[in-house]
Amino acid sequence: MYVRLSVTRLHPDHRDRYLKILQEEAVAANQDEPNTANYHVLLGDPDDNILVIYEVFNDRSGFPEHQQSPHYKKFTQLVQELGPMFSERILKLEAKSLVPSDKDWR
């Protein structure tokens, strides 16, 4: 299992457009990517300008596969068109699973 976690403060410009495309991306990743186990987009409570993206892949190869998907490319194009998605990066983490082990995960 390979996990990516990102916690950021959303940039106020185009916030709603970013959230819409992130919702589309999460649904597509969960439905269409066999190597994506879970893709969650979360908002802080009570501060819903805090964005948490939690991605779980079956193994490390899942992330580069995700980056080649049409929905990911659509998202990156939107970021290029609109500008920065977040005003502050709070946390960025990549991790592998200790428990469950890879053999127990699958």
PDB file of N, CA and C in Angstrom:
ATOM      1  N   MET A   1       0.841  -1.168   0.000  1.00  0.00           N
ATOM      2  CA  MET A   1       0.000   0.000   0.000  1.00  0.00           C
ATOM      3  C   MET A   1       0.890   1.237   0.000  1.00  0.00           C
ATOM      4  N   TYR A   2       0.488   2.227  -0.785  1.00  0.00           N
ATOM      5  CA  TYR A   2       1.205   3.500  -0.892  1.00  0.00           C
ATOM      6  C   TYR A   2       0.196   4.622  -0.675  1.00  0.00           C
ATOM      7  N   VAL A   3       0.518   5.550   0.219  1.00  0.00           N
ATOM      8  CA  VAL A   3      -0.415   6.600   0.612  1.00  0.00           C
ATOM      9  C   VAL A   3       0.204   7.966   0.359  1.00  0.00           C
ATOM     10  N   ARG A   4      -0.635   8.885  -0.132  1.00  0.00           N
ATOM     11  CA  ARG A   4      -0.255  10.294  -0.272  1.00  0.00           C
ATOM     12  C   ARG A   4      -1.288  11.118   0.478  1.00  0.00           C
ATOM     13  N   LEU A   5      -0.795  12.047   1.274  1.00  0.00           N
ATOM     14  CA  LEU A   5      -1.667  12.909   2.058  1.00  0.00           C
ATOM     15  C   LEU A   5      -1.216  14.346   1.870  1.00  0.00           C
ATOM     16  N   SER A   6      -2.151  15.192   1.523  1.00  0.00           N
ATOM     17  CA  SER A   6      -1.860  16.609   1.334  1.00  0.00           C
ATOM     18  C   SER A   6      -2.894  17.421   2.095  1.00  0.00           C
ATOM     19  N   VAL A   7      -2.418  18.375   2.882  1.00  0.00           N
ATOM     20  CA  VAL A   7      -3.305  19.283   3.604  1.00  0.00           C
ATOM     21  C   VAL A   7      -2.894  20.702   3.220  1.00  0.00           C
ATOM     22  N   THR A   8      -3.840  21.452   2.683  1.00  0.00           N
ATOM     23  CA  THR A   8      -3.557  22.804   2.207  1.00  0.00           C
ATOM     24  C   THR A   8      -4.685  23.743   2.605  1.00  0.00           C
ATOM     25  N   ARG A   9      -4.414  25.028   2.499  1.00  0.00           N
ATOM     26  CA  ARG A   9      -5.454  26.040   2.648  1.00  0.00           C
ATOM     27  C   ARG A   9      -5.809  26.482   1.235  1.00  0.00           C
ATOM     28  N   LEU A  10      -7.086  26.342   0.880  1.00  0.00           N
ATOM     29  CA  LEU A  10      -7.533  26.691  -0.465  1.00  0.00           C
ATOM     30  C   LEU A  10      -7.347  28.175  -0.743  1.00  0.00           C
ATOM     31  N   HIS A  11      -6.901  28.470  -1.942  1.00  0.00           N
ATOM     32  CA  HIS A  11      -6.821  29.850  -2.408  1.00  0.00           C
ATOM     33  C   HIS A  11      -8.250  30.302  -2.696  1.00  0.00           C
ATOM     34  N   PRO A  12      -8.641  31.488  -2.243  1.00  0.00           N
ATOM     35  CA  PRO A  12     -10.043  31.891  -2.407  1.00  0.00           C
ATOM     36  C   PRO A  12     -10.482  32.086  -3.858  1.00  0.00           C
ATOM     37  N   ASP A  13      -9.555  32.422  -4.747  1.00  0.00           N
ATOM     38  CA  ASP A  13      -9.912  32.604  -6.153  1.00  0.00           C
ATOM     39  C   ASP A  13     -10.247  31.250  -6.771  1.00  0.00           C
ATOM     40  N   HIS A  14     -11.388  31.143  -7.367  1.00  0.00           N
ATOM     41  CA  HIS A  14     -11.813  29.939  -8.093  1.00  0.00           C
ATOM     42  C   HIS A  14     -11.986  28.712  -7.190  1.00  0.00           C
ATOM     43  N   ARG A  15     -12.204  28.935  -5.910  1.00  0.00           N
ATOM     44  CA  ARG A  15     -12.339  27.837  -4.948  1.00  0.00           C
ATOM     45  C   ARG A  15     -13.391  26.819  -5.386  1.00  0.00           C
ATOM     46  N   ASP A  16     -14.562  27.300  -5.771  1.00  0.00           N
ATOM     47  CA  ASP A  16     -15.654  26.393  -6.135  1.00  0.00           C
ATOM     48  C   ASP A  16     -15.325  25.571  -7.375  1.00  0.00           C
ATOM     49  N   ARG A  17     -14.632  26.174  -8.334  1.00  0.00           N
ATOM     50  CA  ARG A  17     -14.247  25.400  -9.535  1.00  0.00           C
ATOM     51  C   ARG A  17     -13.257  24.304  -9.177  1.00  0.00           C
ATOM     52  N   TYR A  18     -12.312  24.626  -8.282  1.00  0.00           N
ATOM     53  CA  TYR A  18     -11.356  23.592  -7.857  1.00  0.00           C
ATOM     54  C   TYR A  18     -12.066  22.447  -7.148  1.00  0.00           C
ATOM     55  N   LEU A  19     -12.983  22.779  -6.262  1.00  0.00           N
ATOM     56  CA  LEU A  19     -13.685  21.729  -5.530  1.00  0.00           C
ATOM     57  C   LEU A  19     -14.516  20.861  -6.463  1.00  0.00           C
ATOM     58  N   LYS A  20     -15.131  21.463  -7.463  1.00  0.00           N
ATOM     59  CA  LYS A  20     -15.929  20.692  -8.422  1.00  0.00           C
ATOM     60  C   LYS A  20     -15.047  19.703  -9.184  1.00  0.00           C
ATOM     61  N   ILE A  21     -13.911  20.169  -9.680  1.00  0.00           N
ATOM     62  CA  ILE A  21     -13.045  19.271 -10.454  1.00  0.00           C
ATOM     63  C   ILE A  21     -12.401  18.214  -9.553  1.00  0.00           C
ATOM     64  N   LEU A  22     -12.116  18.557  -8.299  1.00  0.00           N
ATOM     65  CA  LEU A  22     -11.581  17.564  -7.366  1.00  0.00           C
ATOM     66  C   LEU A  22     -12.620  16.483  -7.057  1.00  0.00           C
ATOM     67  N   GLN A  23     -13.880  16.879  -6.954  1.00  0.00           N
ATOM     68  CA  GLN A  23     -14.932  15.883  -6.747  1.00  0.00           C
ATOM     69  C   GLN A  23     -15.008  14.935  -7.938  1.00  0.00           C
ATOM     70  N   GLU A  24     -14.955  15.494  -9.139  1.00  0.00           N
ATOM     71  CA  GLU A  24     -14.973  14.665 -10.345  1.00  0.00           C
ATOM     72  C   GLU A  24     -13.768  13.729 -10.376  1.00  0.00           C
ATOM     73  N   GLU A  25     -12.613  14.259 -10.014  1.00  0.00           N
ATOM     74  CA  GLU A  25     -11.392  13.455 -10.016  1.00  0.00           C
ATOM     75  C   GLU A  25     -11.488  12.304  -9.022  1.00  0.00           C
ATOM     76  N   ALA A  26     -11.983  12.582  -7.829  1.00  0.00           N
ATOM     77  CA  ALA A  26     -12.088  11.538  -6.811  1.00  0.00           C
ATOM     78  C   ALA A  26     -13.042  10.430  -7.250  1.00  0.00           C
ATOM     79  N   VAL A  27     -14.191  10.803  -7.795  1.00  0.00           N
ATOM     80  CA  VAL A  27     -15.150   9.795  -8.259  1.00  0.00           C
ATOM     81  C   VAL A  27     -14.521   8.947  -9.366  1.00  0.00           C
ATOM     82  N   ALA A  28     -13.891   9.592 -10.332  1.00  0.00           N
ATOM     83  CA  ALA A  28     -13.279   8.853 -11.447  1.00  0.00           C
ATOM     84  C   ALA A  28     -12.136   7.962 -10.954  1.00  0.00           C
ATOM     85  N   ALA A  29     -11.302   8.476 -10.065  1.00  0.00           N
ATOM     86  CA  ALA A  29     -10.181   7.674  -9.559  1.00  0.00           C
ATOM     87  C   ALA A  29     -10.698   6.436  -8.834  1.00  0.00           C
ATOM     88  N   ASN A  30     -11.723   6.610  -8.010  1.00  0.00           N
ATOM     89  CA  ASN A  30     -12.267   5.475  -7.262  1.00  0.00           C
ATOM     90  C   ASN A  30     -12.973   4.465  -8.165  1.00  0.00           C
ATOM     91  N   GLN A  31     -13.573   4.925  -9.256  1.00  0.00           N
ATOM     92  CA  GLN A  31     -14.325   4.024 -10.136  1.00  0.00           C
ATOM     93  C   GLN A  31     -13.475   3.413 -11.252  1.00  0.00           C
ATOM     94  N   ASP A  32     -12.536   4.193 -11.788  1.00  0.00           N
ATOM     95  CA  ASP A  32     -11.885   3.801 -13.041  1.00  0.00           C
ATOM     96  C   ASP A  32     -10.438   3.340 -12.908  1.00  0.00           C
ATOM     97  N   GLU A  33      -9.838   3.500 -11.757  1.00  0.00           N
ATOM     98  CA  GLU A  33      -8.421   3.166 -11.611  1.00  0.00           C
ATOM     99  C   GLU A  33      -8.271   1.923 -10.737  1.00  0.00           C
ATOM    100  N   PRO A  34      -7.911   0.799 -11.346  1.00  0.00           N
ATOM    101  CA  PRO A  34      -7.826  -0.442 -10.568  1.00  0.00           C
ATOM    102  C   PRO A  34      -6.752  -0.419  -9.479  1.00  0.00           C
ATOM    103  N   ASN A  35      -5.746   0.431  -9.630  1.00  0.00           N
ATOM    104  CA  ASN A  35      -4.665   0.472  -8.643  1.00  0.00           C
ATOM    105  C   ASN A  35      -4.909   1.542  -7.578  1.00  0.00           C
ATOM    106  N   THR A  36      -6.038   2.256  -7.661  1.00  0.00           N
ATOM    107  CA  THR A  36      -6.409   3.231  -6.641  1.00  0.00           C
ATOM    108  C   THR A  36      -7.387   2.566  -5.689  1.00  0.00           C
ATOM    109  N   ALA A  37      -6.983   2.435  -4.426  1.00  0.00           N
ATOM    110  CA  ALA A  37      -7.848   1.803  -3.427  1.00  0.00           C
ATOM    111  C   ALA A  37      -8.850   2.795  -2.858  1.00  0.00           C
ATOM    112  N   ASN A  38      -8.398   4.021  -2.571  1.00  0.00           N
ATOM    113  CA  ASN A  38      -9.262   5.070  -2.034  1.00  0.00           C
ATOM    114  C   ASN A  38      -8.704   6.427  -2.431  1.00  0.00           C
ATOM    115  N   TYR A  39      -9.594   7.306  -2.816  1.00  0.00           N
ATOM    116  CA  TYR A  39      -9.212   8.690  -3.124  1.00  0.00           C
ATOM    117  C   TYR A  39     -10.262   9.575  -2.458  1.00  0.00           C
ATOM    118  N   HIS A  40      -9.840  10.291  -1.433  1.00  0.00           N
ATOM    119  CA  HIS A  40     -10.778  11.106  -0.656  1.00  0.00           C
ATOM    120  C   HIS A  40     -10.404  12.577  -0.762  1.00  0.00           C
ATOM    121  N   VAL A  41     -11.405  13.407  -0.918  1.00  0.00           N
ATOM    122  CA  VAL A  41     -11.253  14.858  -0.861  1.00  0.00           C
ATOM    123  C   VAL A  41     -12.081  15.317   0.332  1.00  0.00           C
ATOM    124  N   LEU A  42     -11.429  15.933   1.302  1.00  0.00           N
ATOM    125  CA  LEU A  42     -12.078  16.325   2.542  1.00  0.00           C
ATOM    126  C   LEU A  42     -11.901  17.821   2.770  1.00  0.00           C
ATOM    127  N   LEU A  43     -12.877  18.413   3.439  1.00  0.00           N
ATOM    128  CA  LEU A  43     -12.775  19.814   3.839  1.00  0.00           C
ATOM    129  C   LEU A  43     -12.728  19.883   5.354  1.00  0.00           C
ATOM    130  N   GLY A  44     -11.964  20.851   5.859  1.00  0.00           N
ATOM    131  CA  GLY A  44     -11.860  21.030   7.296  1.00  0.00           C
ATOM    132  C   GLY A  44     -13.201  21.357   7.924  1.00  0.00           C
ATOM    133  N   ASP A  45     -13.309  21.047   9.206  1.00  0.00           N
ATOM    134  CA  ASP A  45     -14.510  21.363   9.967  1.00  0.00           C
ATOM    135  C   ASP A  45     -14.045  21.946  11.291  1.00  0.00           C
ATOM    136  N   PRO A  46     -14.247  23.188  11.565  1.00  0.00           N
ATOM    137  CA  PRO A  46     -15.205  24.090  10.936  1.00  0.00           C
ATOM    138  C   PRO A  46     -14.631  24.915   9.787  1.00  0.00           C
ATOM    139  N   ASP A  47     -13.325  24.913   9.559  1.00  0.00           N
ATOM    140  CA  ASP A  47     -12.720  25.756   8.515  1.00  0.00           C
ATOM    141  C   ASP A  47     -12.730  25.012   7.190  1.00  0.00           C
ATOM    142  N   ASP A  48     -13.756  25.260   6.355  1.00  0.00           N
ATOM    143  CA  ASP A  48     -13.861  24.519   5.102  1.00  0.00           C
ATOM    144  C   ASP A  48     -12.982  25.089   3.994  1.00  0.00           C
ATOM    145  N   ASN A  49     -12.044  25.953   4.341  1.00  0.00           N
ATOM    146  CA  ASN A  49     -11.002  26.354   3.399  1.00  0.00           C
ATOM    147  C   ASN A  49      -9.760  25.480   3.540  1.00  0.00           C
ATOM    148  N   ILE A  50      -9.774  24.569   4.514  1.00  0.00           N
ATOM    149  CA  ILE A  50      -8.713  23.576   4.641  1.00  0.00           C
ATOM    150  C   ILE A  50      -9.108  22.387   3.771  1.00  0.00           C
ATOM    151  N   LEU A  51      -8.225  22.027   2.855  1.00  0.00           N
ATOM    152  CA  LEU A  51      -8.467  20.929   1.926  1.00  0.00           C
ATOM    153  C   LEU A  51      -7.523  19.784   2.265  1.00  0.00           C
ATOM    154  N   VAL A  52      -8.080  18.592   2.401  1.00  0.00           N
ATOM    155  CA  VAL A  52      -7.297  17.390   2.653  1.00  0.00           C
ATOM    156  C   VAL A  52      -7.532  16.438   1.488  1.00  0.00           C
ATOM    157  N   ILE A  53      -6.460  16.015   0.850  1.00  0.00           N
ATOM    158  CA  ILE A  53      -6.546  15.001  -0.199  1.00  0.00           C
ATOM    159  C   ILE A  53      -5.799  13.777   0.320  1.00  0.00           C
ATOM    160  N   TYR A  54      -6.525  12.672   0.409  1.00  0.00           N
ATOM    161  CA  TYR A  54      -6.004  11.425   0.964  1.00  0.00           C
ATOM    162  C   TYR A  54      -6.133  10.360  -0.116  1.00  0.00           C
ATOM    163  N   GLU A  55      -4.993   9.894  -0.606  1.00  0.00           N
ATOM    164  CA  GLU A  55      -4.969   8.926  -1.702  1.00  0.00           C
ATOM    165  C   GLU A  55      -4.321   7.632  -1.217  1.00  0.00           C
ATOM    166  N   VAL A  56      -4.958   6.517  -1.473  1.00  0.00           N
ATOM    167  CA  VAL A  56      -4.404   5.208  -1.131  1.00  0.00           C
ATOM    168  C   VAL A  56      -4.345   4.384  -2.412  1.00  0.00           C
ATOM    169  N   PHE A  57      -3.140   3.923  -2.729  1.00  0.00           N
ATOM    170  CA  PHE A  57      -2.924   3.102  -3.917  1.00  0.00           C
ATOM    171  C   PHE A  57      -2.494   1.707  -3.482  1.00  0.00           C
ATOM    172  N   ASN A  58      -2.764   0.720  -4.307  1.00  0.00           N
ATOM    173  CA  ASN A  58      -2.382  -0.656  -3.979  1.00  0.00           C
ATOM    174  C   ASN A  58      -0.867  -0.798  -3.832  1.00  0.00           C
ATOM    175  N   ASP A  59      -0.123  -0.030  -4.619  1.00  0.00           N
ATOM    176  CA  ASP A  59       1.336  -0.001  -4.508  1.00  0.00           C
ATOM    177  C   ASP A  59       1.825   1.314  -5.104  1.00  0.00           C
ATOM    178  N   ARG A  60       3.120   1.522  -5.059  1.00  0.00           N
ATOM    179  CA  ARG A  60       3.702   2.795  -5.495  1.00  0.00           C
ATOM    180  C   ARG A  60       3.399   3.110  -6.961  1.00  0.00           C
ATOM    181  N   SER A  61       3.219   2.109  -7.790  1.00  0.00           N
ATOM    182  CA  SER A  61       2.950   2.347  -9.216  1.00  0.00           C
ATOM    183  C   SER A  61       1.582   2.979  -9.451  1.00  0.00           C
ATOM    184  N   GLY A  62       0.716   2.935  -8.461  1.00  0.00           N
ATOM    185  CA  GLY A  62      -0.619   3.502  -8.619  1.00  0.00           C
ATOM    186  C   GLY A  62      -0.623   5.000  -8.849  1.00  0.00           C
ATOM    187  N   PHE A  63       0.315   5.714  -8.224  1.00  0.00           N
ATOM    188  CA  PHE A  63       0.311   7.170  -8.387  1.00  0.00           C
ATOM    189  C   PHE A  63       0.704   7.591  -9.792  1.00  0.00           C
ATOM    190  N   PRO A  64       1.802   7.077 -10.380  1.00  0.00           N
ATOM    191  CA  PRO A  64       2.090   7.456 -11.769  1.00  0.00           C
ATOM    192  C   PRO A  64       0.980   7.039 -12.742  1.00  0.00           C
ATOM    193  N   GLU A  65       0.331   5.922 -12.466  1.00  0.00           N
ATOM    194  CA  GLU A  65      -0.809   5.518 -13.300  1.00  0.00           C
ATOM    195  C   GLU A  65      -1.934   6.546 -13.172  1.00  0.00           C
ATOM    196  N   HIS A  66      -2.183   6.995 -11.950  1.00  0.00           N
ATOM    197  CA  HIS A  66      -3.206   8.011 -11.704  1.00  0.00           C
ATOM    198  C   HIS A  66      -2.890   9.288 -12.473  1.00  0.00           C
ATOM    199  N   GLN A  67      -1.624   9.674 -12.500  1.00  0.00           N
ATOM    200  CA  GLN A  67      -1.217  10.899 -13.187  1.00  0.00           C
ATOM    201  C   GLN A  67      -1.429  10.826 -14.693  1.00  0.00           C
ATOM    202  N   GLN A  68      -1.565   9.639 -15.241  1.00  0.00           N
ATOM    203  CA  GLN A  68      -1.793   9.480 -16.682  1.00  0.00           C
ATOM    204  C   GLN A  68      -3.281   9.443 -17.038  1.00  0.00           C
ATOM    205  N   SER A  69      -4.145   9.470 -16.047  1.00  0.00           N
ATOM    206  CA  SER A  69      -5.579   9.359 -16.306  1.00  0.00           C
ATOM    207  C   SER A  69      -6.129  10.647 -16.916  1.00  0.00           C
ATOM    208  N   PRO A  70      -7.185  10.535 -17.711  1.00  0.00           N
ATOM    209  CA  PRO A  70      -7.791  11.728 -18.318  1.00  0.00           C
ATOM    210  C   PRO A  70      -8.290  12.739 -17.280  1.00  0.00           C
ATOM    211  N   HIS A  71      -8.862  12.274 -16.182  1.00  0.00           N
ATOM    212  CA  HIS A  71      -9.379  13.211 -15.176  1.00  0.00           C
ATOM    213  C   HIS A  71      -8.250  13.953 -14.455  1.00  0.00           C
ATOM    214  N   TYR A  72      -7.114  13.295 -14.240  1.00  0.00           N
ATOM    215  CA  TYR A  72      -5.974  13.981 -13.626  1.00  0.00           C
ATOM    216  C   TYR A  72      -5.424  15.044 -14.575  1.00  0.00           C
ATOM    217  N   LYS A  73      -5.337  14.702 -15.846  1.00  0.00           N
ATOM    218  CA  LYS A  73      -4.843  15.675 -16.836  1.00  0.00           C
ATOM    219  C   LYS A  73      -5.794  16.865 -16.936  1.00  0.00           C
ATOM    220  N   LYS A  74      -7.095  16.626 -16.840  1.00  0.00           N
ATOM    221  CA  LYS A  74      -8.075  17.715 -16.855  1.00  0.00           C
ATOM    222  C   LYS A  74      -7.860  18.627 -15.643  1.00  0.00           C
ATOM    223  N   PHE A  75      -7.621  18.028 -14.496  1.00  0.00           N
ATOM    224  CA  PHE A  75      -7.378  18.796 -13.285  1.00  0.00           C
ATOM    225  C   PHE A  75      -6.112  19.646 -13.410  1.00  0.00           C
ATOM    226  N   THR A  76      -5.021  19.064 -13.883  1.00  0.00           N
ATOM    227  CA  THR A  76      -3.768  19.834 -13.993  1.00  0.00           C
ATOM    228  C   THR A  76      -3.908  20.956 -15.016  1.00  0.00           C
ATOM    229  N   GLN A  77      -4.674  20.730 -16.059  1.00  0.00           N
ATOM    230  CA  GLN A  77      -4.906  21.797 -17.037  1.00  0.00           C
ATOM    231  C   GLN A  77      -5.692  22.942 -16.399  1.00  0.00           C
ATOM    232  N   LEU A  78      -6.679  22.625 -15.589  1.00  0.00           N
ATOM    233  CA  LEU A  78      -7.452  23.660 -14.909  1.00  0.00           C
ATOM    234  C   LEU A  78      -6.561  24.487 -13.987  1.00  0.00           C
ATOM    235  N   VAL A  79      -5.672  23.835 -13.253  1.00  0.00           N
ATOM    236  CA  VAL A  79      -4.747  24.553 -12.371  1.00  0.00           C
ATOM    237  C   VAL A  79      -3.867  25.495 -13.183  1.00  0.00           C
ATOM    238  N   GLN A  80      -3.399  25.043 -14.334  1.00  0.00           N
ATOM    239  CA  GLN A  80      -2.579  25.911 -15.194  1.00  0.00           C
ATOM    240  C   GLN A  80      -3.378  27.110 -15.683  1.00  0.00           C
ATOM    241  N   GLU A  81      -4.658  26.906 -15.983  1.00  0.00           N
ATOM    242  CA  GLU A  81      -5.497  28.002 -16.477  1.00  0.00           C
ATOM    243  C   GLU A  81      -5.872  28.989 -15.381  1.00  0.00           C
ATOM    244  N   LEU A  82      -6.217  28.488 -14.202  1.00  0.00           N
ATOM    245  CA  LEU A  82      -6.742  29.334 -13.136  1.00  0.00           C
ATOM    246  C   LEU A  82      -5.680  29.890 -12.197  1.00  0.00           C
ATOM    247  N   GLY A  83      -4.565  29.213 -12.088  1.00  0.00           N
ATOM    248  CA  GLY A  83      -3.542  29.646 -11.146  1.00  0.00           C
ATOM    249  C   GLY A  83      -3.541  28.759  -9.914  1.00  0.00           C
ATOM    250  N   PRO A  84      -2.857  29.193  -8.868  1.00  0.00           N
ATOM    251  CA  PRO A  84      -2.646  28.332  -7.698  1.00  0.00           C
ATOM    252  C   PRO A  84      -3.955  27.859  -7.064  1.00  0.00           C
ATOM    253  N   MET A  85      -3.968  26.597  -6.679  1.00  0.00           N
ATOM    254  CA  MET A  85      -5.129  26.023  -6.027  1.00  0.00           C
ATOM    255  C   MET A  85      -5.134  26.353  -4.536  1.00  0.00           C
ATOM    256  N   PHE A  86      -3.959  26.467  -3.924  1.00  0.00           N
ATOM    257  CA  PHE A  86      -3.918  26.706  -2.496  1.00  0.00           C
ATOM    258  C   PHE A  86      -3.003  27.876  -2.170  1.00  0.00           C
ATOM    259  N   SER A  87      -3.288  28.503  -1.044  1.00  0.00           N
ATOM    260  CA  SER A  87      -2.483  29.639  -0.602  1.00  0.00           C
ATOM    261  C   SER A  87      -1.419  29.224   0.393  1.00  0.00           C
ATOM    262  N   GLU A  88      -1.563  28.032   0.962  1.00  0.00           N
ATOM    263  CA  GLU A  88      -0.600  27.555   1.960  1.00  0.00           C
ATOM    264  C   GLU A  88      -0.601  26.039   1.962  1.00  0.00           C
ATOM    265  N   ARG A  89       0.582  25.444   1.906  1.00  0.00           N
ATOM    266  CA  ARG A  89       0.689  23.992   2.071  1.00  0.00           C
ATOM    267  C   ARG A  89       0.954  23.740   3.542  1.00  0.00           C
ATOM    268  N   ILE A  90       0.080  22.990   4.167  1.00  0.00           N
ATOM    269  CA  ILE A  90       0.205  22.701   5.588  1.00  0.00           C
ATOM    270  C   ILE A  90       0.982  21.409   5.808  1.00  0.00           C
ATOM    271  N   LEU A  91       0.705  20.404   4.979  1.00  0.00           N
ATOM    272  CA  LEU A  91       1.372  19.110   5.129  1.00  0.00           C
ATOM    273  C   LEU A  91       1.358  18.379   3.798  1.00  0.00           C
ATOM    274  N   LYS A  92       2.483  17.762   3.466  1.00  0.00           N
ATOM    275  CA  LYS A  92       2.544  16.853   2.320  1.00  0.00           C
ATOM    276  C   LYS A  92       3.300  15.623   2.802  1.00  0.00           C
ATOM    277  N   LEU A  93       2.706  14.453   2.628  1.00  0.00           N
ATOM    278  CA  LEU A  93       3.285  13.227   3.148  1.00  0.00           C
ATOM    279  C   LEU A  93       3.088  12.102   2.147  1.00  0.00           C
ATOM    280  N   GLU A  94       4.137  11.330   1.946  1.00  0.00           N
ATOM    281  CA  GLU A  94       4.050  10.079   1.195  1.00  0.00           C
ATOM    282  C   GLU A  94       4.490   8.983   2.148  1.00  0.00           C
ATOM    283  N   ALA A  95       3.771   7.861   2.162  1.00  0.00           N
ATOM    284  CA  ALA A  95       4.076   6.819   3.134  1.00  0.00           C
ATOM    285  C   ALA A  95       3.768   5.436   2.575  1.00  0.00           C
ATOM    286  N   LYS A  96       4.412   4.440   3.156  1.00  0.00           N
ATOM    287  CA  LYS A  96       4.072   3.054   2.858  1.00  0.00           C
ATOM    288  C   LYS A  96       3.498   2.434   4.125  1.00  0.00           C
ATOM    289  N   SER A  97       2.767   1.374   3.967  1.00  0.00           N
ATOM    290  CA  SER A  97       2.041   0.778   5.085  1.00  0.00           C
ATOM    291  C   SER A  97       2.928  -0.149   5.911  1.00  0.00           C
ATOM    292  N   LEU A  98       2.854   0.004   7.214  1.00  0.00           N
ATOM    293  CA  LEU A  98       3.478  -0.942   8.130  1.00  0.00           C
ATOM    294  C   LEU A  98       2.451  -2.021   8.495  1.00  0.00           C
ATOM    295  N   VAL A  99       1.265  -1.575   8.879  1.00  0.00           N
ATOM    296  CA  VAL A  99       0.157  -2.478   9.180  1.00  0.00           C
ATOM    297  C   VAL A  99      -1.084  -1.908   8.512  1.00  0.00           C
ATOM    298  N   PRO A 100      -1.747  -2.612   7.637  1.00  0.00           N
ATOM    299  CA  PRO A 100      -1.454  -3.976   7.238  1.00  0.00           C
ATOM    300  C   PRO A 100      -0.252  -4.040   6.298  1.00  0.00           C
ATOM    301  N   SER A 101       0.398  -5.177   6.301  1.00  0.00           N
ATOM    302  CA  SER A 101       1.519  -5.382   5.386  1.00  0.00           C
ATOM    303  C   SER A 101       0.989  -5.475   3.964  1.00  0.00           C
ATOM    304  N   ASP A 102       1.871  -5.324   2.985  1.00  0.00           N
ATOM    305  CA  ASP A 102       1.431  -5.410   1.592  1.00  0.00           C
ATOM    306  C   ASP A 102       0.751  -6.745   1.298  1.00  0.00           C
ATOM    307  N   LYS A 103       1.278  -7.828   1.845  1.00  0.00           N
ATOM    308  CA  LYS A 103       0.661  -9.142   1.546  1.00  0.00           C
ATOM    309  C   LYS A 103      -0.711  -9.263   2.207  1.00  0.00           C
ATOM    310  N   ASP A 104      -0.909  -8.617   3.360  1.00  0.00           N
ATOM    311  CA  ASP A 104      -2.215  -8.668   4.024  1.00  0.00           C
ATOM    312  C   ASP A 104      -3.203  -7.677   3.422  1.00  0.00           C
ATOM    313  N   TRP A 105      -2.691  -6.649   2.778  1.00  0.00           N
ATOM    314  CA  TRP A 105      -3.522  -5.588   2.193  1.00  0.00           C
ATOM    315  C   TRP A 105      -4.318  -6.097   1.002  1.00  0.00           C
ATOM    316  N   ARG A 106      -3.703  -6.911   0.188  1.00  0.00           N
ATOM    317  CA  ARG A 106      -4.340  -7.334  -1.068  1.00  0.00           C
ATOM    318  C   ARG A 106      -5.180  -8.496  -0.844  1.00  0.00           C
TER     319      ARG A 106
END
